[in-house]
Protein backbone atom coordinates (compact mmCIF):
# COMPACT_ATOMS: atom_id res chain seq x y z
CA MET A 1 -2.93 6.33 24.14
CA GLU A 2 -4.38 8.92 21.32
CA ARG A 3 -6.99 7.77 18.99
CA LYS A 4 -7.61 9.47 15.43
CA THR A 5 -10.08 9.26 12.93
CA VAL A 6 -9.85 10.41 9.52
CA THR A 7 -12.35 10.56 6.55
CA VAL A 8 -12.08 9.65 2.86
CA ALA A 9 -13.92 12.25 1.73
CA LEU A 10 -16.23 10.65 -1.36
CA GLY A 11 -19.47 11.96 -1.22
CA ASP A 12 -22.26 9.48 -0.05
CA ARG A 13 -19.31 6.70 -0.23
CA SER A 14 -17.05 8.70 2.35
CA TYR A 15 -16.01 6.70 5.00
CA PRO A 16 -13.84 6.76 8.13
CA VAL A 17 -10.29 5.35 8.91
CA GLU A 18 -9.96 4.52 12.55
CA ILE A 19 -6.61 4.75 13.89
CA GLY A 20 -5.44 3.54 17.66
CA PHE A 21 -4.68 1.05 20.32
CA GLY A 22 -7.54 -2.05 19.96
CA VAL A 23 -9.55 -0.27 17.18
CA ARG A 24 -9.98 -3.81 15.75
CA HIS A 25 -12.69 -4.43 17.84
CA HIS A 26 -14.82 -1.71 16.55
CA VAL A 27 -15.74 -4.03 13.55
CA ARG A 28 -19.41 -4.38 15.01
CA ASP A 29 -20.00 -0.71 14.94
CA TYR A 30 -19.86 -0.45 11.15
CA LEU A 31 -21.77 -3.58 9.89
CA PRO A 32 -25.07 -2.29 8.24
CA GLU A 33 -28.45 -3.23 10.42
CA ARG A 34 -29.11 -5.68 7.82
CA THR A 35 -26.06 -7.42 7.86
CA ARG A 36 -26.82 -11.25 8.53
CA ARG A 37 -23.32 -12.85 7.84
CA VAL A 38 -19.59 -11.75 7.94
CA ALA A 39 -17.17 -13.55 5.59
CA VAL A 40 -13.45 -12.70 7.10
CA VAL A 41 -10.84 -13.09 4.78
CA THR A 42 -7.40 -13.67 6.30
CA GLN A 43 -4.21 -15.96 6.49
CA GLU A 44 -3.39 -18.32 9.11
CA ARG A 45 -0.31 -16.64 10.05
CA ILE A 46 -2.21 -13.36 10.80
CA GLY A 47 -3.94 -14.63 13.80
CA VAL A 48 -5.84 -11.48 14.61
CA ARG A 49 -9.47 -12.29 15.97
CA ILE A 50 -12.24 -9.76 15.54
CA ASP A 51 -15.55 -9.77 17.05
CA CYS A 52 -18.64 -9.28 14.84
CA GLY A 53 -21.27 -9.51 17.76
CA ASP A 54 -24.36 -11.67 17.02
CA VAL A 55 -23.59 -11.93 13.43
CA GLU A 56 -23.02 -15.41 11.74
CA THR A 57 -19.14 -15.41 10.98
CA ARG A 58 -17.09 -17.49 8.90
CA VAL A 59 -13.67 -17.13 8.27
CA PHE A 60 -11.75 -17.63 4.81
CA THR A 61 -8.20 -18.14 4.44
CA ILE A 62 -5.58 -17.36 2.08
CA GLY A 63 -2.51 -18.46 1.06
CA GLN A 64 0.70 -16.71 1.96
CA GLY A 65 3.00 -14.50 -0.33
CA GLU A 66 2.60 -12.50 -3.62
CA GLU A 67 2.19 -15.91 -5.36
CA HIS A 68 -1.35 -16.56 -4.02
CA LYS A 69 -2.44 -13.40 -4.93
CA THR A 70 -3.97 -14.38 -8.14
CA LEU A 71 -7.33 -14.64 -10.34
CA SER A 72 -7.40 -18.26 -9.14
CA THR A 73 -7.55 -16.95 -5.41
CA ILE A 74 -10.39 -15.02 -6.45
CA GLU A 75 -12.17 -17.54 -7.92
CA SER A 76 -11.57 -19.81 -4.60
CA LEU A 77 -12.83 -17.58 -2.68
CA CYS A 78 -16.14 -16.21 -4.57
CA ARG A 79 -17.25 -20.21 -4.67
CA ALA A 80 -16.68 -20.43 -1.26
CA PHE A 81 -19.07 -17.63 -0.64
CA ALA A 82 -21.26 -18.82 -2.75
CA ASP A 83 -21.48 -22.11 -1.36
CA TRP A 84 -21.69 -20.58 2.09
CA GLY A 85 -24.87 -18.62 0.87
CA LEU A 86 -23.49 -14.92 1.27
CA ASN A 87 -25.35 -12.04 -0.29
CA ARG A 88 -25.37 -8.36 -0.86
CA ASN A 89 -27.02 -7.88 2.60
CA ASP A 90 -24.02 -9.23 3.93
CA VAL A 91 -20.45 -7.97 4.55
CA VAL A 92 -16.53 -9.10 3.71
CA VAL A 93 -13.95 -8.20 5.98
CA GLY A 94 -10.63 -8.42 5.39
CA VAL A 95 -8.07 -8.69 8.26
CA GLY A 96 -4.52 -8.58 6.78
CA GLY A 97 -1.97 -6.96 5.32
CA GLY A 98 -1.85 -5.32 1.70
CA ILE A 99 -2.89 -8.64 0.12
CA VAL A 100 -5.64 -9.76 1.85
CA THR A 101 -6.82 -6.46 1.53
CA ASP A 102 -6.52 -6.29 -2.31
CA VAL A 103 -7.65 -9.40 -2.54
CA ALA A 104 -10.86 -9.55 -0.24
CA GLY A 105 -11.59 -6.06 -1.49
CA PHE A 106 -11.33 -7.55 -5.23
CA ALA A 107 -13.71 -10.63 -4.20
CA ALA A 108 -16.19 -8.09 -2.53
CA SER A 109 -16.11 -6.05 -5.79
CA VAL A 110 -17.10 -8.98 -8.28
CA PHE A 111 -19.07 -11.21 -5.80
CA HIS A 112 -23.03 -10.52 -6.64
CA ARG A 113 -21.36 -7.74 -8.86
CA GLY A 114 -20.50 -5.86 -5.31
CA MET A 115 -20.98 -6.20 -1.80
CA PRO A 116 -19.98 -4.17 0.93
CA VAL A 117 -16.49 -4.55 2.50
CA ILE A 118 -14.41 -3.62 5.64
CA HIS A 119 -10.73 -3.61 6.21
CA VAL A 120 -9.05 -4.40 9.49
CA ALA A 121 -5.52 -3.50 8.60
CA THR A 122 -2.63 -5.45 10.71
CA THR A 123 0.51 -4.20 8.97
CA LEU A 124 1.87 -0.80 8.81
CA LEU A 125 2.19 -1.07 4.70
CA GLY A 126 -1.63 -1.97 4.96
CA GLN A 127 -2.49 0.70 7.24
CA ILE A 128 -0.94 3.79 5.86
CA ASP A 129 -1.72 2.17 2.04
CA ALA A 130 -2.86 -0.81 0.89
CA ALA A 131 -6.15 -0.55 2.87
CA ILE A 132 -7.05 2.98 1.98
CA GLY A 133 -8.42 4.44 -1.28
CA GLY A 134 -10.23 1.97 -2.54
CA LYS A 135 -7.50 0.07 -4.93
CA THR A 136 -7.93 -3.70 -5.18
CA GLY A 137 -6.03 -5.96 -7.79
CA VAL A 138 -4.06 -9.20 -8.15
CA ASN A 139 -0.65 -10.21 -10.27
CA LEU A 140 -0.48 -12.00 -13.33
CA PRO A 141 2.97 -13.60 -14.44
CA GLU A 142 3.53 -10.15 -16.73
CA GLY A 143 3.16 -8.02 -13.76
CA LYS A 144 2.36 -6.51 -10.42
CA ASN A 145 -1.46 -5.70 -9.53
CA LEU A 146 -2.66 -5.71 -13.33
CA VAL A 147 -5.90 -6.90 -12.88
CA GLY A 148 -8.41 -5.28 -10.51
CA THR A 149 -11.03 -2.56 -9.27
CA TYR A 150 -11.71 0.60 -7.83
CA TRP A 151 -14.25 -0.45 -4.60
CA GLN A 152 -14.35 1.70 -1.59
CA PRO A 153 -15.05 -0.10 1.80
CA LEU A 154 -17.40 0.75 4.52
CA ALA A 155 -14.43 1.78 6.89
CA VAL A 156 -11.08 0.84 7.41
CA LEU A 157 -9.52 0.07 11.04
CA CYS A 158 -5.74 0.54 11.82
CA ASP A 159 -4.99 -1.23 14.86
CA VAL A 160 -1.78 -0.49 15.57
CA GLU A 161 -1.67 -2.80 18.22
CA THR A 162 -1.23 -5.45 15.87
CA LEU A 163 1.65 -4.25 14.74
CA ASP A 164 3.42 -5.70 17.77
CA THR A 165 3.37 -9.05 16.30
CA LEU A 166 4.82 -8.34 12.95
CA PRO A 167 8.51 -9.50 12.31
CA ALA A 168 11.03 -7.14 12.40
CA ARG A 169 11.71 -7.35 8.62
CA HIS A 170 7.91 -6.86 7.65
CA TYR A 171 7.46 -3.90 9.88
CA ARG A 172 10.66 -2.04 8.53
CA ALA A 173 9.26 -2.85 4.98
CA GLY A 174 6.18 -0.64 6.09
CA LEU A 175 8.04 1.86 6.85
CA GLY A 176 9.53 2.10 2.95
CA GLU A 177 5.56 3.45 2.56
CA LEU A 178 5.82 6.03 5.36
CA ALA A 179 9.33 7.31 4.07
CA LYS A 180 7.14 8.08 0.84
CA TYR A 181 5.05 10.72 2.26
CA HIS A 182 7.88 13.21 3.20
CA PHE A 183 8.26 13.89 -0.12
CA LEU A 184 4.68 13.98 -1.15
CA ASP A 185 3.62 16.32 1.45
CA GLU A 186 5.18 19.78 0.12
CA ALA A 187 4.81 21.89 3.32
CA SER A 188 6.19 18.98 5.85
CA THR A 189 8.85 19.53 7.90
CA ARG A 190 8.35 16.34 9.76
CA GLU A 191 11.90 15.25 11.15
CA PRO A 192 13.46 11.48 9.82
CA ALA A 193 12.05 8.92 12.34
CA ILE A 194 14.06 7.71 15.59
CA LEU A 195 13.29 4.58 15.96
CA ASP A 196 13.08 2.39 19.29
CA ASN A 197 14.43 -1.29 18.55
CA GLY A 198 13.52 -0.56 15.09
CA ARG A 199 10.04 0.51 15.53
CA LEU A 200 7.75 3.94 16.08
CA ALA A 201 6.43 3.66 19.64
CA GLY A 202 3.04 5.05 21.19
CA ASP A 203 1.62 8.11 20.24
CA ASP A 204 4.41 8.82 17.91
CA LEU A 205 3.14 5.82 15.96
CA VAL A 206 -0.45 6.85 15.85
CA ASP A 207 0.45 10.56 15.00
CA ARG A 208 2.76 9.10 11.90
CA VAL A 209 0.16 6.32 10.85
CA ALA A 210 -2.75 9.44 10.75
CA TRP A 211 -0.31 12.08 9.16
CA SER A 212 0.10 9.22 6.01
CA VAL A 213 -3.38 8.08 6.42
CA GLN A 214 -4.48 12.01 6.12
CA MET A 215 -2.35 12.83 2.94
CA LYS A 216 -3.60 9.53 1.35
CA ALA A 217 -7.38 10.18 2.37
CA ASP A 218 -6.98 14.12 0.63
CA VAL A 219 -5.30 12.36 -2.92
CA VAL A 220 -8.25 10.02 -3.01
CA SER A 221 -10.84 12.25 -2.30
CA ALA A 222 -9.11 14.50 -5.47
CA ASP A 223 -8.57 11.80 -7.86
CA GLU A 224 -10.47 8.51 -6.60
CA ARG A 225 -9.66 6.84 -10.13
CA GLU A 226 -5.94 8.12 -10.49
CA GLY A 227 -6.56 10.32 -13.29
CA GLY A 228 -3.57 12.98 -12.09
CA ARG A 229 -2.75 13.64 -8.53
CA ARG A 230 -3.39 9.89 -6.99
CA ALA A 231 -0.31 8.49 -9.56
CA LEU A 232 2.13 10.55 -6.90
CA LEU A 233 1.33 8.18 -4.36
CA ASN A 234 3.35 5.58 -6.34
CA TYR A 235 6.54 7.92 -5.74
CA GLY A 236 9.35 5.17 -5.49
CA HIS A 237 6.97 2.31 -6.94
CA THR A 238 8.42 2.49 -10.89
CA LEU A 239 11.80 0.71 -9.68
CA GLY A 240 10.26 -0.87 -6.84
CA HIS A 241 7.88 -3.32 -8.69
CA CYS A 242 10.62 -4.07 -11.10
CA LEU A 243 12.76 -5.21 -8.43
CA GLU A 244 9.80 -7.36 -6.72
CA ILE A 245 9.30 -8.91 -9.97
CA LEU A 246 13.25 -9.61 -10.78
CA SER A 247 13.25 -10.94 -7.21
CA HIS A 248 10.07 -13.18 -7.77
CA HIS A 249 8.86 -11.46 -4.81
CA ASP A 250 11.58 -12.35 -2.10
CA LEU A 251 11.67 -8.73 -1.63
CA LEU A 252 9.19 -7.12 0.38
CA HIS A 253 6.84 -4.22 -1.24
CA GLY A 254 7.63 -1.64 1.04
CA GLU A 255 11.74 -2.99 0.90
CA ALA A 256 11.47 -2.47 -3.04
CA VAL A 257 9.86 0.86 -2.75
CA GLY A 258 12.67 2.47 -0.25
CA ILE A 259 15.26 1.37 -2.99
CA GLY A 260 13.05 3.16 -5.57
CA ILE A 261 12.52 6.44 -3.63
CA ALA A 262 16.74 6.60 -3.76
CA TYR A 263 16.81 5.69 -7.31
CA ALA A 264 14.02 8.34 -8.34
CA ALA A 265 16.02 10.71 -6.36
CA GLU A 266 19.09 10.11 -8.64
CA VAL A 267 16.91 10.10 -11.98
CA ALA A 268 15.69 13.23 -10.74
CA LEU A 269 19.29 14.98 -10.18
CA GLU A 270 20.25 13.40 -13.48
CA MET A 271 17.39 15.89 -15.02
CA GLY A 272 18.49 18.66 -12.78
CA ARG A 273 15.22 18.88 -11.14
CA ILE A 274 17.05 18.66 -7.93
CA ASP A 275 20.47 19.08 -6.44
CA ASP A 276 22.71 17.09 -4.50
CA ALA A 277 21.50 18.42 -1.25
CA ARG A 278 17.97 17.19 -1.92
CA VAL A 279 19.08 13.67 -2.79
CA ALA A 280 20.83 13.43 0.52
CA HIS A 281 17.75 14.62 2.35
CA HIS A 282 15.94 11.38 0.64
CA ARG A 283 18.67 9.49 2.09
CA GLU A 284 18.44 11.05 5.49
CA ILE A 285 14.87 10.09 5.62
CA LEU A 286 15.47 6.42 4.30
CA ALA A 287 18.36 5.90 6.75
CA GLY A 288 15.93 7.39 9.54
CA TYR A 289 13.55 4.19 8.89
CA ASP A 290 16.39 1.86 8.30
CA LEU A 291 15.61 1.08 4.87
CA ALA A 292 17.99 -0.19 2.09
CA MET A 293 19.08 2.18 -0.54
CA THR A 294 20.54 -0.36 -3.18
CA PRO A 295 18.90 -3.37 -4.74
CA PRO A 296 20.11 -6.95 -3.56
CA GLY A 297 22.17 -8.35 -6.08
CA SER A 298 22.55 -5.03 -8.06
CA PRO A 299 20.47 -6.44 -11.30
CA SER A 300 21.41 -4.75 -14.36
CA PHE A 301 19.77 -2.06 -16.24
CA ALA A 302 19.09 -4.58 -19.07
CA ASP A 303 17.14 -6.80 -16.97
CA ILE A 304 14.89 -3.87 -15.83
CA THR A 305 14.32 -2.18 -19.25
CA PRO A 306 11.73 -4.64 -20.59
CA LEU A 307 9.45 -4.26 -17.12
CA LEU A 308 9.64 -0.43 -16.88
CA ALA A 309 7.38 -0.62 -20.15
CA ARG A 310 4.68 -2.69 -18.07
CA ASP A 311 4.19 -0.30 -15.47
CA LYS A 312 0.89 0.87 -15.24
CA LYS A 313 1.60 4.63 -15.22
CA ALA A 314 3.33 4.07 -18.46
CA LEU A 315 0.88 5.48 -20.89
CA ASP A 316 3.27 7.38 -23.34
CA GLY A 317 6.82 6.08 -23.09
CA ILE A 318 8.47 5.08 -19.73
CA THR A 319 6.81 7.02 -16.97
CA PHE A 320 8.36 8.21 -13.46
CA ILE A 321 7.39 9.98 -10.15
CA LEU A 322 10.04 12.41 -9.60
CA ASP A 323 10.55 15.20 -7.13
CA GLY A 324 11.36 18.80 -8.25
CA GLN A 325 11.33 22.17 -6.91
CA SER A 326 7.43 22.59 -6.90
CA GLY A 327 7.26 18.83 -5.36
CA CYS A 328 6.57 15.64 -6.91
CA GLU A 329 5.03 15.30 -10.46
CA VAL A 330 4.33 12.60 -12.90
CA VAL A 331 6.92 12.56 -15.70
CA GLU A 332 6.32 10.76 -19.04
CA LYS A 333 8.82 9.87 -21.44
CA VAL A 334 11.73 9.96 -19.50
CA ASP A 335 15.00 8.82 -21.84
CA LEU A 336 16.28 5.68 -21.55
CA ASP A 337 19.73 6.88 -21.57
CA VAL A 338 18.98 9.22 -18.43
CA LEU A 339 17.45 6.44 -16.41
CA ALA A 340 20.47 4.36 -17.59
CA ARG A 341 23.49 6.62 -16.51
CA SER A 342 21.27 7.28 -13.18
CA TYR A 343 21.16 3.53 -12.63
CA GLU A 344 24.93 2.79 -13.03
CA ARG A 345 25.61 5.65 -10.61
CA PHE A 346 22.92 4.41 -8.17
CA ILE A 347 24.52 0.94 -7.85
CA SER A 348 28.26 2.03 -7.78
């Protein structure tokens, strides 16, 4: 099977993203020579083991679900690190999906004011998005990922073999983030996915993950701290995050992003940025990945409105990433009436 490596180019902080079958076994290759201990942060249900050779290793588990992606979890982890005697010569390794890599990266960024971290991404969503780019964060009751840091890893290992263990729904949720890249790659002629029993297979899986990673790496290299272009990676996330909160995170992140992409296309249509054919293309891509395109329960726009203002991109009024003639771009001060009309058409 094919194996690919993509570099996130950040000068002396550049790092590789290795993609392929069995790459989780390469963690030892990326540990600095001085490493004495490895703190593996994971969740009980993940069940993925890594081999750090003769380096002393201890596993620290965090709870399942977004309700455990909190500052209290960070405090518990850091206190456990301190009890073990972890120091800056050691390494934190996050083994899991986006929740794990966000939490492990955040804990590594603040413990001893910063220590090295490696991510072993075991979910599709983690491999193509969450584990790459150095964003870390936890939730507050007021919103998702409102507290966090930028902390780049030493390496990211995307072992597509681990995806075989994912429940079908969690696998499909990762496809929501994968669908996003069809609209961020302006030159892309990539066809919608052809799934085999709901999954990508073999070299096509490696190729699509590497394609997504390369696009994210290019964006991060040009805009590490989301001063401009990196915000485009949030395509579909504005409504998506609102739906996650309204569902109390019963709706998975990638599921919400897929719905958010479909809605963003309707907003762009309402504003005259794209035509009906482009909206149909959005739906073709989403359907190819077997993604839902309407929110469960059809929450009212009145329920969504207060959450839109809390979005991290909302620096000057309500902000959306919207498709257009020259590709996706950040659009500020989107009129509420436009959003409301688009939403009513969207759920009808």
